Structure formats: C-alpha cells, structure tokens
Amino acid sequence: MTDDKKFRGLESRLNKDDSLRKEFLKDPVKVLKREGVEVTPAMASNLKAQFKDLQLQKLPKAAAVSIRIRVCVGVTF
C-alpha cells in the first residue's frame, strides 16, 4: 500500500471512529507506528510538541468528538 493510500485510510478511520480519534489525540505517535508509519525520534518529538502546543487537554471532552483530523506529510527546508 502506498503511503498516500495509507494516510488517506487512516484519516478516514480517524474521522469515523471516535475511540481511534481520542487515542490519536492522546498519543499520535503510538497510533501512527501501529498503523505502519515510520516515525523517527525527531518526528516523534516534533509531533508531541505540536500536540502539546494545541493544548487539547484543556478542551471540553465533547470537543474531541467534533475534531476533524487531517493526516499529511510535509517537507520543509
């Protein structure tokens, strides 16, 4: 399966499955690795920092259900 199809499939499941979405919001690195996405230590650190900056823990619990997730890979220079 190509990475693009893998990400689109994961994105679709994240937006349909409340429990998977909540797990992803709690620990995105764990979910990505389980889904077969290679996550380097630097990527994991960056992702964790970004999620920490979002301050998701301060949102009402009901908000986690209405969050739409988009999974993509980007390259920056």
Protein backbone atom coordinates (compact mmCIF):
# COMPACT_ATOMS: atom_id res chain seq x y z
CA MET A 1 0.00 0.00 0.00
CA THR A 2 1.38 3.40 -0.90
CA ASP A 3 1.90 5.98 1.83
CA ASP A 4 -0.75 8.20 0.27
CA LYS A 5 -3.38 5.44 0.47
CA LYS A 6 -2.20 4.54 3.96
CA PHE A 7 -2.63 8.13 5.16
CA ARG A 8 -5.99 8.57 3.45
CA GLY A 9 -7.25 5.34 5.01
CA LEU A 10 -6.01 6.38 8.45
CA GLU A 11 -7.51 9.84 8.07
CA SER A 12 -10.86 8.34 7.12
CA ARG A 13 -10.84 5.95 10.10
CA LEU A 14 -9.78 8.74 12.48
CA ASN A 15 -12.76 10.82 11.42
CA LYS A 16 -15.25 7.93 11.65
CA ASP A 17 -14.06 6.12 14.79
CA ASP A 18 -14.43 8.15 17.98
CA SER A 19 -12.26 5.85 20.08
CA LEU A 20 -9.44 5.81 17.50
CA ARG A 21 -9.63 9.61 17.22
CA LYS A 22 -9.42 10.02 21.01
CA GLU A 23 -6.47 7.62 21.13
CA PHE A 24 -4.74 9.55 18.32
CA LEU A 25 -5.29 12.86 20.10
CA LYS A 26 -3.82 11.37 23.27
CA ASP A 27 -0.82 9.64 21.64
CA PRO A 28 -0.47 10.25 17.89
CA VAL A 29 2.97 8.64 17.68
CA LYS A 30 1.69 5.33 19.08
CA VAL A 31 -1.22 5.25 16.62
CA LEU A 32 0.95 6.17 13.63
CA LYS A 33 3.51 3.48 14.46
CA ARG A 34 0.79 0.88 14.96
CA GLU A 35 -0.59 1.83 11.52
CA GLY A 36 2.80 1.14 9.96
CA VAL A 37 4.00 4.71 9.62
CA GLU A 38 7.73 5.09 10.18
CA VAL A 39 8.17 7.77 12.85
CA THR A 40 11.75 8.82 13.55
CA PRO A 41 12.69 10.07 17.02
CA ALA A 42 12.90 13.63 15.64
CA MET A 43 9.45 13.32 14.04
CA ALA A 44 8.01 11.91 17.26
CA SER A 45 9.47 14.75 19.29
CA ASN A 46 8.14 17.34 16.85
CA LEU A 47 4.69 15.77 16.75
CA LYS A 48 4.46 15.58 20.53
CA ALA A 49 5.50 19.24 20.80
CA GLN A 50 2.87 20.28 18.26
CA PHE A 51 0.13 18.39 20.08
CA LYS A 52 1.26 19.89 23.39
CA ASP A 53 1.03 23.37 21.83
CA LEU A 54 -2.56 22.64 20.78
CA GLN A 55 -3.46 22.29 24.48
CA LEU A 56 -6.06 19.63 23.67
CA GLN A 57 -6.30 18.64 27.33
CA LYS A 58 -7.98 22.00 28.01
CA LEU A 59 -10.81 21.36 25.55
CA PRO A 60 -14.13 20.07 26.85
CA LYS A 61 -14.37 16.29 26.48
CA ALA A 62 -17.17 16.65 23.95
CA ALA A 63 -14.88 18.66 21.67
CA ALA A 64 -12.74 15.58 20.97
CA VAL A 65 -15.73 14.05 19.21
CA SER A 66 -16.17 17.02 16.88
CA ILE A 67 -12.50 17.45 15.94
CA ARG A 68 -11.74 16.55 12.32
CA ILE A 69 -8.27 15.16 11.73
CA ARG A 70 -6.24 15.54 8.56
CA VAL A 71 -3.13 13.40 8.17
CA CYS A 72 -0.45 14.56 5.77
CA VAL A 73 3.28 14.56 5.35
CA GLY A 74 5.15 17.73 4.58
CA VAL A 75 8.69 18.65 3.76
CA THR A 76 10.19 21.90 4.97
CA PHE A 77 13.57 23.41 4.30
